[in-house]
Amino acid sequence: MSSVLILTLLITLFIMLLSSSLSKKTILDREKMSPFECGFDPKDSARLPFSLRFFLIAVIFLIFDVEITLLLPLANLSSLSKILTWGPVSLFFAAILLLGLYLEWRKGALNWSQ
């Protein structure tokens, strides 16, 4: 049993060394080797000011994305219940979504540039 384990580890180590030696990543460029995250340079200070508008747009997207995932199963409910029960509930939920979107639009939270 242990010989199979040792053989497996040796084959795995050999394949890893072979793949790393044959890989085409030979150029160690700063731009190529650094992680890219939302356009921020990871080599600079982490205490740079962050755009509050970008954060607000991201939060609004997450809220509406979660609510859309709650709206999509309503189509499947049409075959399980009467239209008089799920219809008003889905319309009320959609009205709340549209009212929230309207309020965010009126407050100017969706305007990226001013």
PDB file of N, CA and C in Angstrom:
ATOM      1  N   MET A   1       0.823  -1.202   0.000  1.00  0.00           N
ATOM      2  CA  MET A   1       0.000   0.000   0.000  1.00  0.00           C
ATOM      3  C   MET A   1       0.861   1.257   0.000  1.00  0.00           C
ATOM      4  N   SER A   2       1.900   1.275   0.793  1.00  0.00           N
ATOM      5  CA  SER A   2       2.738   2.467   0.860  1.00  0.00           C
ATOM      6  C   SER A   2       3.576   2.634  -0.410  1.00  0.00           C
ATOM      7  N   SER A   3       3.905   1.534  -1.091  1.00  0.00           N
ATOM      8  CA  SER A   3       4.662   1.658  -2.340  1.00  0.00           C
ATOM      9  C   SER A   3       3.818   2.317  -3.432  1.00  0.00           C
ATOM     10  N   VAL A   4       2.516   2.047  -3.418  1.00  0.00           N
ATOM     11  CA  VAL A   4       1.616   2.696  -4.378  1.00  0.00           C
ATOM     12  C   VAL A   4       1.532   4.194  -4.082  1.00  0.00           C
ATOM     13  N   LEU A   5       1.495   4.542  -2.815  1.00  0.00           N
ATOM     14  CA  LEU A   5       1.446   5.944  -2.423  1.00  0.00           C
ATOM     15  C   LEU A   5       2.726   6.670  -2.814  1.00  0.00           C
ATOM     16  N   ILE A   6       3.864   6.058  -2.581  1.00  0.00           N
ATOM     17  CA  ILE A   6       5.140   6.669  -2.941  1.00  0.00           C
ATOM     18  C   ILE A   6       5.259   6.805  -4.454  1.00  0.00           C
ATOM     19  N   LEU A   7       4.846   5.788  -5.178  1.00  0.00           N
ATOM     20  CA  LEU A   7       4.880   5.848  -6.639  1.00  0.00           C
ATOM     21  C   LEU A   7       3.963   6.951  -7.175  1.00  0.00           C
ATOM     22  N   THR A   8       2.792   7.082  -6.577  1.00  0.00           N
ATOM     23  CA  THR A   8       1.858   8.137  -6.984  1.00  0.00           C
ATOM     24  C   THR A   8       2.440   9.518  -6.713  1.00  0.00           C
ATOM     25  N   LEU A   9       3.053   9.695  -5.562  1.00  0.00           N
ATOM     26  CA  LEU A   9       3.664  10.986  -5.243  1.00  0.00           C
ATOM     27  C   LEU A   9       4.830  11.296  -6.175  1.00  0.00           C
ATOM     28  N   LEU A  10       5.631  10.294  -6.519  1.00  0.00           N
ATOM     29  CA  LEU A  10       6.745  10.522  -7.430  1.00  0.00           C
ATOM     30  C   LEU A  10       6.264  10.880  -8.838  1.00  0.00           C
ATOM     31  N   ILE A  11       5.249  10.194  -9.316  1.00  0.00           N
ATOM     32  CA  ILE A  11       4.697  10.516 -10.640  1.00  0.00           C
ATOM     33  C   ILE A  11       4.111  11.921 -10.649  1.00  0.00           C
ATOM     34  N   THR A  12       3.417  12.269  -9.588  1.00  0.00           N
ATOM     35  CA  THR A  12       2.833  13.605  -9.488  1.00  0.00           C
ATOM     36  C   THR A  12       3.907  14.673  -9.450  1.00  0.00           C
ATOM     37  N   LEU A  13       4.952  14.453  -8.666  1.00  0.00           N
ATOM     38  CA  LEU A  13       6.048  15.402  -8.582  1.00  0.00           C
ATOM     39  C   LEU A  13       6.751  15.536  -9.929  1.00  0.00           C
ATOM     40  N   PHE A  14       6.960  14.421 -10.630  1.00  0.00           N
ATOM     41  CA  PHE A  14       7.600  14.450 -11.936  1.00  0.00           C
ATOM     42  C   PHE A  14       6.770  15.243 -12.954  1.00  0.00           C
ATOM     43  N   ILE A  15       5.470  15.021 -12.947  1.00  0.00           N
ATOM     44  CA  ILE A  15       4.597  15.739 -13.887  1.00  0.00           C
ATOM     45  C   ILE A  15       4.569  17.229 -13.559  1.00  0.00           C
ATOM     46  N   MET A  16       4.564  17.583 -12.292  1.00  0.00           N
ATOM     47  CA  MET A  16       4.573  18.999 -11.913  1.00  0.00           C
ATOM     48  C   MET A  16       5.873  19.676 -12.325  1.00  0.00           C
ATOM     49  N   LEU A  17       7.003  19.014 -12.105  1.00  0.00           N
ATOM     50  CA  LEU A  17       8.290  19.587 -12.507  1.00  0.00           C
ATOM     51  C   LEU A  17       8.397  19.695 -14.016  1.00  0.00           C
ATOM     52  N   LEU A  18       7.913  18.706 -14.720  1.00  0.00           N
ATOM     53  CA  LEU A  18       7.947  18.736 -16.179  1.00  0.00           C
ATOM     54  C   LEU A  18       7.075  19.862 -16.735  1.00  0.00           C
ATOM     55  N   SER A  19       5.891  20.019 -16.195  1.00  0.00           N
ATOM     56  CA  SER A  19       5.004  21.074 -16.694  1.00  0.00           C
ATOM     57  C   SER A  19       5.536  22.456 -16.364  1.00  0.00           C
ATOM     58  N   SER A  20       6.151  22.639 -15.202  1.00  0.00           N
ATOM     59  CA  SER A  20       6.687  23.962 -14.880  1.00  0.00           C
ATOM     60  C   SER A  20       7.926  24.285 -15.695  1.00  0.00           C
ATOM     61  N   SER A  21       8.696  23.276 -16.072  1.00  0.00           N
ATOM     62  CA  SER A  21       9.878  23.548 -16.883  1.00  0.00           C
ATOM     63  C   SER A  21       9.519  23.790 -18.355  1.00  0.00           C
ATOM     64  N   LEU A  22       8.431  23.209 -18.824  1.00  0.00           N
ATOM     65  CA  LEU A  22       8.029  23.378 -20.220  1.00  0.00           C
ATOM     66  C   LEU A  22       7.027  24.504 -20.447  1.00  0.00           C
ATOM     67  N   SER A  23       6.597  25.128 -19.395  1.00  0.00           N
ATOM     68  CA  SER A  23       5.572  26.169 -19.561  1.00  0.00           C
ATOM     69  C   SER A  23       6.159  27.385 -20.260  1.00  0.00           C
ATOM     70  N   LYS A  24       5.289  28.179 -20.859  1.00  0.00           N
ATOM     71  CA  LYS A  24       5.734  29.333 -21.630  1.00  0.00           C
ATOM     72  C   LYS A  24       5.827  30.594 -20.775  1.00  0.00           C
ATOM     73  N   LYS A  25       5.637  30.473 -19.481  1.00  0.00           N
ATOM     74  CA  LYS A  25       5.738  31.636 -18.605  1.00  0.00           C
ATOM     75  C   LYS A  25       7.192  31.850 -18.200  1.00  0.00           C
ATOM     76  N   THR A  26       7.985  32.301 -19.110  1.00  0.00           N
ATOM     77  CA  THR A  26       9.387  32.545 -18.797  1.00  0.00           C
ATOM     78  C   THR A  26       9.673  34.018 -18.605  1.00  0.00           C
ATOM     79  N   ILE A  27       8.806  34.881 -19.094  1.00  0.00           N
ATOM     80  CA  ILE A  27       9.015  36.315 -18.946  1.00  0.00           C
ATOM     81  C   ILE A  27       8.422  36.753 -17.609  1.00  0.00           C
ATOM     82  N   LEU A  28       9.277  37.217 -16.725  1.00  0.00           N
ATOM     83  CA  LEU A  28       8.817  37.681 -15.418  1.00  0.00           C
ATOM     84  C   LEU A  28       8.633  39.196 -15.483  1.00  0.00           C
ATOM     85  N   ASP A  29       7.564  39.595 -16.110  1.00  0.00           N
ATOM     86  CA  ASP A  29       7.246  41.001 -16.273  1.00  0.00           C
ATOM     87  C   ASP A  29       6.383  41.448 -15.102  1.00  0.00           C
ATOM     88  N   ARG A  30       6.546  42.700 -14.668  1.00  0.00           N
ATOM     89  CA  ARG A  30       5.774  43.194 -13.531  1.00  0.00           C
ATOM     90  C   ARG A  30       4.286  43.194 -13.825  1.00  0.00           C
ATOM     91  N   GLU A  31       3.899  43.607 -15.006  1.00  0.00           N
ATOM     92  CA  GLU A  31       2.488  43.665 -15.364  1.00  0.00           C
ATOM     93  C   GLU A  31       1.898  42.274 -15.556  1.00  0.00           C
ATOM     94  N   LYS A  32       2.710  41.365 -16.066  1.00  0.00           N
ATOM     95  CA  LYS A  32       2.203  40.015 -16.314  1.00  0.00           C
ATOM     96  C   LYS A  32       2.093  39.191 -15.041  1.00  0.00           C
ATOM     97  N   MET A  33       2.960  39.419 -14.094  1.00  0.00           N
ATOM     98  CA  MET A  33       3.003  38.591 -12.898  1.00  0.00           C
ATOM     99  C   MET A  33       2.155  39.148 -11.754  1.00  0.00           C
ATOM    100  N   SER A  34       1.702  40.391 -11.841  1.00  0.00           N
ATOM    101  CA  SER A  34       0.916  40.974 -10.757  1.00  0.00           C
ATOM    102  C   SER A  34      -0.572  40.694 -10.975  1.00  0.00           C
ATOM    103  N   PRO A  35      -1.313  40.505  -9.891  1.00  0.00           N
ATOM    104  CA  PRO A  35      -2.751  40.267 -10.041  1.00  0.00           C
ATOM    105  C   PRO A  35      -3.468  41.558 -10.434  1.00  0.00           C
ATOM    106  N   PHE A  36      -4.483  41.412 -11.256  1.00  0.00           N
ATOM    107  CA  PHE A  36      -5.272  42.564 -11.698  1.00  0.00           C
ATOM    108  C   PHE A  36      -6.604  42.535 -10.969  1.00  0.00           C
ATOM    109  N   GLU A  37      -6.896  43.606 -10.256  1.00  0.00           N
ATOM    110  CA  GLU A  37      -8.133  43.637  -9.506  1.00  0.00           C
ATOM    111  C   GLU A  37      -8.764  45.015  -9.646  1.00  0.00           C
ATOM    112  N   CYS A  38      -9.754  45.125 -10.465  1.00  0.00           N
ATOM    113  CA  CYS A  38     -10.551  46.344 -10.643  1.00  0.00           C
ATOM    114  C   CYS A  38      -9.705  47.549 -11.042  1.00  0.00           C
ATOM    115  N   GLY A  39      -8.609  47.337 -11.717  1.00  0.00           N
ATOM    116  CA  GLY A  39      -7.811  48.453 -12.178  1.00  0.00           C
ATOM    117  C   GLY A  39      -6.904  49.065 -11.141  1.00  0.00           C
ATOM    118  N   PHE A  40      -6.829  48.502  -9.939  1.00  0.00           N
ATOM    119  CA  PHE A  40      -5.971  49.044  -8.893  1.00  0.00           C
ATOM    120  C   PHE A  40      -4.599  48.384  -8.976  1.00  0.00           C
ATOM    121  N   ASP A  41      -3.565  49.181  -8.785  1.00  0.00           N
ATOM    122  CA  ASP A  41      -2.199  48.653  -8.823  1.00  0.00           C
ATOM    123  C   ASP A  41      -1.896  48.010  -7.469  1.00  0.00           C
ATOM    124  N   PRO A  42      -1.617  46.707  -7.420  1.00  0.00           N
ATOM    125  CA  PRO A  42      -1.378  46.058  -6.139  1.00  0.00           C
ATOM    126  C   PRO A  42      -0.037  46.426  -5.511  1.00  0.00           C
ATOM    127  N   LYS A  43       0.837  47.091  -6.261  1.00  0.00           N
ATOM    128  CA  LYS A  43       2.141  47.468  -5.726  1.00  0.00           C
ATOM    129  C   LYS A  43       2.077  48.776  -4.945  1.00  0.00           C
ATOM    130  N   ASP A  44       1.027  49.563  -5.141  1.00  0.00           N
ATOM    131  CA  ASP A  44       0.896  50.836  -4.442  1.00  0.00           C
ATOM    132  C   ASP A  44       0.324  50.630  -3.047  1.00  0.00           C
ATOM    133  N   SER A  45       0.138  51.725  -2.365  1.00  0.00           N
ATOM    134  CA  SER A  45      -0.419  51.687  -1.018  1.00  0.00           C
ATOM    135  C   SER A  45      -1.886  51.263  -1.056  1.00  0.00           C
ATOM    136  N   ALA A  46      -2.303  50.535  -0.048  1.00  0.00           N
ATOM    137  CA  ALA A  46      -3.692  50.076   0.027  1.00  0.00           C
ATOM    138  C   ALA A  46      -4.598  51.147   0.626  1.00  0.00           C
ATOM    139  N   ARG A  47      -4.047  52.246   1.032  1.00  0.00           N
ATOM    140  CA  ARG A  47      -4.821  53.307   1.680  1.00  0.00           C
ATOM    141  C   ARG A  47      -5.235  54.421   0.734  1.00  0.00           C
ATOM    142  N   LEU A  48      -5.313  54.121  -0.546  1.00  0.00           N
ATOM    143  CA  LEU A  48      -5.745  55.123  -1.512  1.00  0.00           C
ATOM    144  C   LEU A  48      -7.249  55.348  -1.401  1.00  0.00           C
ATOM    145  N   PRO A  49      -7.737  56.535  -1.705  1.00  0.00           N
ATOM    146  CA  PRO A  49      -9.184  56.775  -1.633  1.00  0.00           C
ATOM    147  C   PRO A  49      -9.946  55.919  -2.637  1.00  0.00           C
ATOM    148  N   PHE A  50     -11.063  55.420  -2.187  1.00  0.00           N
ATOM    149  CA  PHE A  50     -11.892  54.536  -3.002  1.00  0.00           C
ATOM    150  C   PHE A  50     -13.130  55.298  -3.435  1.00  0.00           C
ATOM    151  N   SER A  51     -13.536  55.109  -4.666  1.00  0.00           N
ATOM    152  CA  SER A  51     -14.691  55.817  -5.201  1.00  0.00           C
ATOM    153  C   SER A  51     -15.973  55.306  -4.539  1.00  0.00           C
ATOM    154  N   LEU A  52     -16.671  56.196  -3.874  1.00  0.00           N
ATOM    155  CA  LEU A  52     -17.911  55.830  -3.213  1.00  0.00           C
ATOM    156  C   LEU A  52     -18.998  55.516  -4.231  1.00  0.00           C
ATOM    157  N   ARG A  53     -18.966  56.167  -5.384  1.00  0.00           N
ATOM    158  CA  ARG A  53     -19.938  55.879  -6.440  1.00  0.00           C
ATOM    159  C   ARG A  53     -19.808  54.456  -6.960  1.00  0.00           C
ATOM    160  N   PHE A  54     -18.578  54.002  -7.138  1.00  0.00           N
ATOM    161  CA  PHE A  54     -18.354  52.634  -7.591  1.00  0.00           C
ATOM    162  C   PHE A  54     -18.914  51.642  -6.574  1.00  0.00           C
ATOM    163  N   PHE A  55     -18.681  51.906  -5.313  1.00  0.00           N
ATOM    164  CA  PHE A  55     -19.200  51.038  -4.254  1.00  0.00           C
ATOM    165  C   PHE A  55     -20.726  51.049  -4.245  1.00  0.00           C
ATOM    166  N   LEU A  56     -21.338  52.212  -4.413  1.00  0.00           N
ATOM    167  CA  LEU A  56     -22.795  52.329  -4.403  1.00  0.00           C
ATOM    168  C   LEU A  56     -23.417  51.594  -5.585  1.00  0.00           C
ATOM    169  N   ILE A  57     -22.814  51.720  -6.746  1.00  0.00           N
ATOM    170  CA  ILE A  57     -23.317  50.995  -7.916  1.00  0.00           C
ATOM    171  C   ILE A  57     -23.207  49.490  -7.691  1.00  0.00           C
ATOM    172  N   ALA A  58     -22.121  49.043  -7.076  1.00  0.00           N
ATOM    173  CA  ALA A  58     -21.943  47.608  -6.808  1.00  0.00           C
ATOM    174  C   ALA A  58     -22.997  47.102  -5.832  1.00  0.00           C
ATOM    175  N   VAL A  59     -23.302  47.875  -4.798  1.00  0.00           N
ATOM    176  CA  VAL A  59     -24.316  47.466  -3.822  1.00  0.00           C
ATOM    177  C   VAL A  59     -25.701  47.440  -4.464  1.00  0.00           C
ATOM    178  N   ILE A  60     -26.011  48.439  -5.272  1.00  0.00           N
ATOM    179  CA  ILE A  60     -27.310  48.461  -5.961  1.00  0.00           C
ATOM    180  C   ILE A  60     -27.432  47.256  -6.895  1.00  0.00           C
ATOM    181  N   PHE A  61     -26.357  46.934  -7.597  1.00  0.00           N
ATOM    182  CA  PHE A  61     -26.382  45.764  -8.469  1.00  0.00           C
ATOM    183  C   PHE A  61     -26.635  44.490  -7.671  1.00  0.00           C
ATOM    184  N   LEU A  62     -25.965  44.338  -6.546  1.00  0.00           N
ATOM    185  CA  LEU A  62     -26.173  43.134  -5.734  1.00  0.00           C
ATOM    186  C   LEU A  62     -27.599  43.036  -5.212  1.00  0.00           C
ATOM    187  N   ILE A  63     -28.154  44.148  -4.785  1.00  0.00           N
ATOM    188  CA  ILE A  63     -29.529  44.132  -4.267  1.00  0.00           C
ATOM    189  C   ILE A  63     -30.499  43.716  -5.369  1.00  0.00           C
ATOM    190  N   PHE A  64     -30.390  44.329  -6.543  1.00  0.00           N
ATOM    191  CA  PHE A  64     -31.318  44.003  -7.626  1.00  0.00           C
ATOM    192  C   PHE A  64     -31.046  42.617  -8.200  1.00  0.00           C
ATOM    193  N   ASP A  65     -29.809  42.168  -8.155  1.00  0.00           N
ATOM    194  CA  ASP A  65     -29.501  40.832  -8.639  1.00  0.00           C
ATOM    195  C   ASP A  65     -30.135  39.774  -7.751  1.00  0.00           C
ATOM    196  N   VAL A  66     -30.068  39.961  -6.452  1.00  0.00           N
ATOM    197  CA  VAL A  66     -30.693  39.010  -5.528  1.00  0.00           C
ATOM    198  C   VAL A  66     -32.211  39.036  -5.684  1.00  0.00           C
ATOM    199  N   GLU A  67     -32.766  40.214  -5.867  1.00  0.00           N
ATOM    200  CA  GLU A  67     -34.219  40.295  -6.017  1.00  0.00           C
ATOM    201  C   GLU A  67     -34.684  39.691  -7.338  1.00  0.00           C
ATOM    202  N   ILE A  68     -33.893  39.785  -8.363  1.00  0.00           N
ATOM    203  CA  ILE A  68     -34.257  39.142  -9.627  1.00  0.00           C
ATOM    204  C   ILE A  68     -34.247  37.627  -9.464  1.00  0.00           C
ATOM    205  N   THR A  69     -33.310  37.105  -8.701  1.00  0.00           N
ATOM    206  CA  THR A  69     -33.304  35.660  -8.469  1.00  0.00           C
ATOM    207  C   THR A  69     -34.499  35.234  -7.629  1.00  0.00           C
ATOM    208  N   LEU A  70     -35.078  36.141  -6.905  1.00  0.00           N
ATOM    209  CA  LEU A  70     -36.318  35.820  -6.191  1.00  0.00           C
ATOM    210  C   LEU A  70     -37.531  35.910  -7.110  1.00  0.00           C
ATOM    211  N   LEU A  71     -37.444  36.720  -8.159  1.00  0.00           N
ATOM    212  CA  LEU A  71     -38.564  36.859  -9.090  1.00  0.00           C
ATOM    213  C   LEU A  71     -38.650  35.712 -10.097  1.00  0.00           C
ATOM    214  N   LEU A  72     -37.529  35.155 -10.485  1.00  0.00           N
ATOM    215  CA  LEU A  72     -37.534  34.132 -11.521  1.00  0.00           C
ATOM    216  C   LEU A  72     -38.331  32.877 -11.152  1.00  0.00           C
ATOM    217  N   PRO A  73     -38.294  32.379  -9.915  1.00  0.00           N
ATOM    218  CA  PRO A  73     -39.096  31.191  -9.610  1.00  0.00           C
ATOM    219  C   PRO A  73     -40.599  31.431  -9.603  1.00  0.00           C
ATOM    220  N   LEU A  74     -41.032  32.683  -9.680  1.00  0.00           N
ATOM    221  CA  LEU A  74     -42.469  32.953  -9.696  1.00  0.00           C
ATOM    222  C   LEU A  74     -43.136  32.374 -10.939  1.00  0.00           C
ATOM    223  N   ALA A  75     -42.390  32.231 -12.016  1.00  0.00           N
ATOM    224  CA  ALA A  75     -42.971  31.640 -13.229  1.00  0.00           C
ATOM    225  C   ALA A  75     -43.304  30.172 -13.003  1.00  0.00           C
ATOM    226  N   ASN A  76     -42.512  29.484 -12.209  1.00  0.00           N
ATOM    227  CA  ASN A  76     -42.799  28.081 -11.916  1.00  0.00           C
ATOM    228  C   ASN A  76     -43.993  27.927 -10.971  1.00  0.00           C
ATOM    229  N   LEU A  77     -44.256  28.946 -10.181  1.00  0.00           N
ATOM    230  CA  LEU A  77     -45.386  28.876  -9.255  1.00  0.00           C
ATOM    231  C   LEU A  77     -46.727  28.950  -9.965  1.00  0.00           C
ATOM    232  N   SER A  78     -46.733  29.414 -11.195  1.00  0.00           N
ATOM    233  CA  SER A  78     -48.004  29.554 -11.905  1.00  0.00           C
ATOM    234  C   SER A  78     -48.686  28.207 -12.130  1.00  0.00           C
ATOM    235  N   SER A  79     -47.901  27.172 -12.273  1.00  0.00           N
ATOM    236  CA  SER A  79     -48.513  25.854 -12.479  1.00  0.00           C
ATOM    237  C   SER A  79     -48.887  25.184 -11.159  1.00  0.00           C
ATOM    238  N   LEU A  80     -48.341  25.666 -10.051  1.00  0.00           N
ATOM    239  CA  LEU A  80     -48.601  25.043  -8.754  1.00  0.00           C
ATOM    240  C   LEU A  80     -49.736  25.700  -7.972  1.00  0.00           C
ATOM    241  N   SER A  81     -50.047  26.939  -8.293  1.00  0.00           N
ATOM    242  CA  SER A  81     -51.098  27.630  -7.538  1.00  0.00           C
ATOM    243  C   SER A  81     -51.974  28.445  -8.489  1.00  0.00           C
ATOM    244  N   LYS A  82     -52.983  29.040  -7.928  1.00  0.00           N
ATOM    245  CA  LYS A  82     -53.905  29.847  -8.734  1.00  0.00           C
ATOM    246  C   LYS A  82     -53.285  31.200  -9.034  1.00  0.00           C
ATOM    247  N   ILE A  83     -53.742  31.775 -10.142  1.00  0.00           N
ATOM    248  CA  ILE A  83     -53.204  33.073 -10.544  1.00  0.00           C
ATOM    249  C   ILE A  83     -53.643  34.175  -9.570  1.00  0.00           C
ATOM    250  N   LEU A  84     -54.749  33.966  -8.889  1.00  0.00           N
ATOM    251  CA  LEU A  84     -55.219  34.979  -7.944  1.00  0.00           C
ATOM    252  C   LEU A  84     -54.393  35.015  -6.669  1.00  0.00           C
ATOM    253  N   THR A  85     -53.571  34.013  -6.444  1.00  0.00           N
ATOM    254  CA  THR A  85     -52.722  34.036  -5.245  1.00  0.00           C
ATOM    255  C   THR A  85     -51.309  34.519  -5.561  1.00  0.00           C
ATOM    256  N   TRP A  86     -50.702  34.011  -6.619  1.00  0.00           N
ATOM    257  CA  TRP A  86     -49.325  34.425  -6.883  1.00  0.00           C
ATOM    258  C   TRP A  86     -49.246  35.665  -7.754  1.00  0.00           C
ATOM    259  N   GLY A  87     -50.274  35.996  -8.493  1.00  0.00           N
ATOM    260  CA  GLY A  87     -50.271  37.173  -9.359  1.00  0.00           C
ATOM    261  C   GLY A  87     -50.106  38.482  -8.601  1.00  0.00           C
ATOM    262  N   PRO A  88     -50.971  38.758  -7.619  1.00  0.00           N
ATOM    263  CA  PRO A  88     -50.801  40.012  -6.875  1.00  0.00           C
ATOM    264  C   PRO A  88     -49.494  40.084  -6.081  1.00  0.00           C
ATOM    265  N   VAL A  89     -49.049  38.949  -5.584  1.00  0.00           N
ATOM    266  CA  VAL A  89     -47.782  38.942  -4.842  1.00  0.00           C
ATOM    267  C   VAL A  89     -46.622  39.289  -5.760  1.00  0.00           C
ATOM    268  N   SER A  90     -46.606  38.708  -6.956  1.00  0.00           N
ATOM    269  CA  SER A  90     -45.516  39.002  -7.883  1.00  0.00           C
ATOM    270  C   SER A  90     -45.593  40.440  -8.393  1.00  0.00           C
ATOM    271  N   LEU A  91     -46.787  40.946  -8.625  1.00  0.00           N
ATOM    272  CA  LEU A  91     -46.917  42.334  -9.041  1.00  0.00           C
ATOM    273  C   LEU A  91     -46.503  43.297  -7.936  1.00  0.00           C
ATOM    274  N   PHE A  92     -46.832  42.979  -6.702  1.00  0.00           N
ATOM    275  CA  PHE A  92     -46.419  43.803  -5.567  1.00  0.00           C
ATOM    276  C   PHE A  92     -44.900  43.801  -5.428  1.00  0.00           C
ATOM    277  N   PHE A  93     -44.293  42.644  -5.586  1.00  0.00           N
ATOM    278  CA  PHE A  93     -42.842  42.533  -5.488  1.00  0.00           C
ATOM    279  C   PHE A  93     -42.162  43.314  -6.612  1.00  0.00           C
ATOM    280  N   ALA A  94     -42.691  43.221  -7.818  1.00  0.00           N
ATOM    281  CA  ALA A  94     -42.138  43.971  -8.943  1.00  0.00           C
ATOM    282  C   ALA A  94     -42.328  45.475  -8.745  1.00  0.00           C
ATOM    283  N   ALA A  95     -43.457  45.866  -8.144  1.00  0.00           N
ATOM    284  CA  ALA A  95     -43.690  47.287  -7.873  1.00  0.00           C
ATOM    285  C   ALA A  95     -42.681  47.814  -6.859  1.00  0.00           C
ATOM    286  N   ILE A  96     -42.353  47.011  -5.855  1.00  0.00           N
ATOM    287  CA  ILE A  96     -41.344  47.432  -4.879  1.00  0.00           C
ATOM    288  C   ILE A  96     -39.989  47.594  -5.566  1.00  0.00           C
ATOM    289  N   LEU A  97     -39.661  46.669  -6.470  1.00  0.00           N
ATOM    290  CA  LEU A  97     -38.404  46.782  -7.210  1.00  0.00           C
ATOM    291  C   LEU A  97     -38.369  48.052  -8.069  1.00  0.00           C
ATOM    292  N   LEU A  98     -39.446  48.309  -8.777  1.00  0.00           N
ATOM    293  CA  LEU A  98     -39.483  49.494  -9.632  1.00  0.00           C
ATOM    294  C   LEU A  98     -39.477  50.777  -8.819  1.00  0.00           C
ATOM    295  N   LEU A  99     -40.138  50.779  -7.675  1.00  0.00           N
ATOM    296  CA  LEU A  99     -40.119  51.956  -6.806  1.00  0.00           C
ATOM    297  C   LEU A  99     -38.710  52.205  -6.272  1.00  0.00           C
ATOM    298  N   GLY A 100     -38.014  51.162  -5.878  1.00  0.00           N
ATOM    299  CA  GLY A 100     -36.632  51.314  -5.416  1.00  0.00           C
ATOM    300  C   GLY A 100     -35.716  51.821  -6.510  1.00  0.00           C
ATOM    301  N   LEU A 101     -35.907  51.301  -7.711  1.00  0.00           N
ATOM    302  CA  LEU A 101     -35.106  51.769  -8.841  1.00  0.00           C
ATOM    303  C   LEU A 101     -35.398  53.231  -9.159  1.00  0.00           C
ATOM    304  N   TYR A 102     -36.667  53.613  -9.094  1.00  0.00           N
ATOM    305  CA  TYR A 102     -37.045  55.008  -9.341  1.00  0.00           C
ATOM    306  C   TYR A 102     -36.439  55.934  -8.296  1.00  0.00           C
ATOM    307  N   LEU A 103     -36.483  55.529  -7.025  1.00  0.00           N
ATOM    308  CA  LEU A 103     -35.913  56.367  -5.970  1.00  0.00           C
ATOM    309  C   LEU A 103     -34.398  56.520  -6.121  1.00  0.00           C
ATOM    310  N   GLU A 104     -33.711  55.444  -6.482  1.00  0.00           N
ATOM    311  CA  GLU A 104     -32.271  55.532  -6.706  1.00  0.00           C
ATOM    312  C   GLU A 104     -31.958  56.425  -7.898  1.00  0.00           C
ATOM    313  N   TRP A 105     -32.787  56.361  -8.916  1.00  0.00           N
ATOM    314  CA  TRP A 105     -32.583  57.200 -10.086  1.00  0.00           C
ATOM    315  C   TRP A 105     -32.814  58.670  -9.751  1.00  0.00           C
ATOM    316  N   ARG A 106     -33.871  58.954  -8.973  1.00  0.00           N
ATOM    317  CA  ARG A 106     -34.179  60.335  -8.586  1.00  0.00           C
ATOM    318  C   ARG A 106     -33.119  60.938  -7.678  1.00  0.00           C
ATOM    319  N   LYS A 107     -32.517  60.109  -6.815  1.00  0.00           N
ATOM    320  CA  LYS A 107     -31.472  60.617  -5.933  1.00  0.00           C
ATOM    321  C   LYS A 107     -30.147  60.821  -6.663  1.00  0.00           C
ATOM    322  N   GLY A 108     -30.029  60.293  -7.877  1.00  0.00           N
ATOM    323  CA  GLY A 108     -28.820  60.464  -8.658  1.00  0.00           C
ATOM    324  C   GLY A 108     -27.769  59.417  -8.398  1.00  0.00           C
ATOM    325  N   ALA A 109     -28.155  58.317  -7.755  1.00  0.00           N
ATOM    326  CA  ALA A 109     -27.182  57.273  -7.442  1.00  0.00           C
ATOM    327  C   ALA A 109     -26.775  56.498  -8.680  1.00  0.00           C
ATOM    328  N   LEU A 110     -27.574  56.540  -9.736  1.00  0.00           N
ATOM    329  CA  LEU A 110     -27.255  55.805 -10.949  1.00  0.00           C
ATOM    330  C   LEU A 110     -26.503  56.629 -11.974  1.00  0.00           C
ATOM    331  N   ASN A 111     -26.317  57.924 -11.703  1.00  0.00           N
ATOM    332  CA  ASN A 111     -25.550  58.785 -12.605  1.00  0.00           C
ATOM    333  C   ASN A 111     -24.073  58.590 -12.316  1.00  0.00           C
ATOM    334  N   TRP A 112     -23.358  58.036 -13.281  1.00  0.00           N
ATOM    335  CA  TRP A 112     -21.945  57.755 -13.051  1.00  0.00           C
ATOM    336  C   TRP A 112     -21.108  59.039 -13.123  1.00  0.00           C
ATOM    337  N   SER A 113     -21.367  59.884 -14.095  1.00  0.00           N
ATOM    338  CA  SER A 113     -20.613  61.129 -14.212  1.00  0.00           C
ATOM    339  C   SER A 113     -21.569  62.308 -14.057  1.00  0.00           C
ATOM    340  N   GLN A 114     -21.068  63.320 -13.379  1.00  0.00           N
ATOM    341  CA  GLN A 114     -21.912  64.497 -13.138  1.00  0.00           C
ATOM    342  C   GLN A 114     -21.249  65.739 -13.690  1.00  0.00           C
TER     343      GLN A 114
END
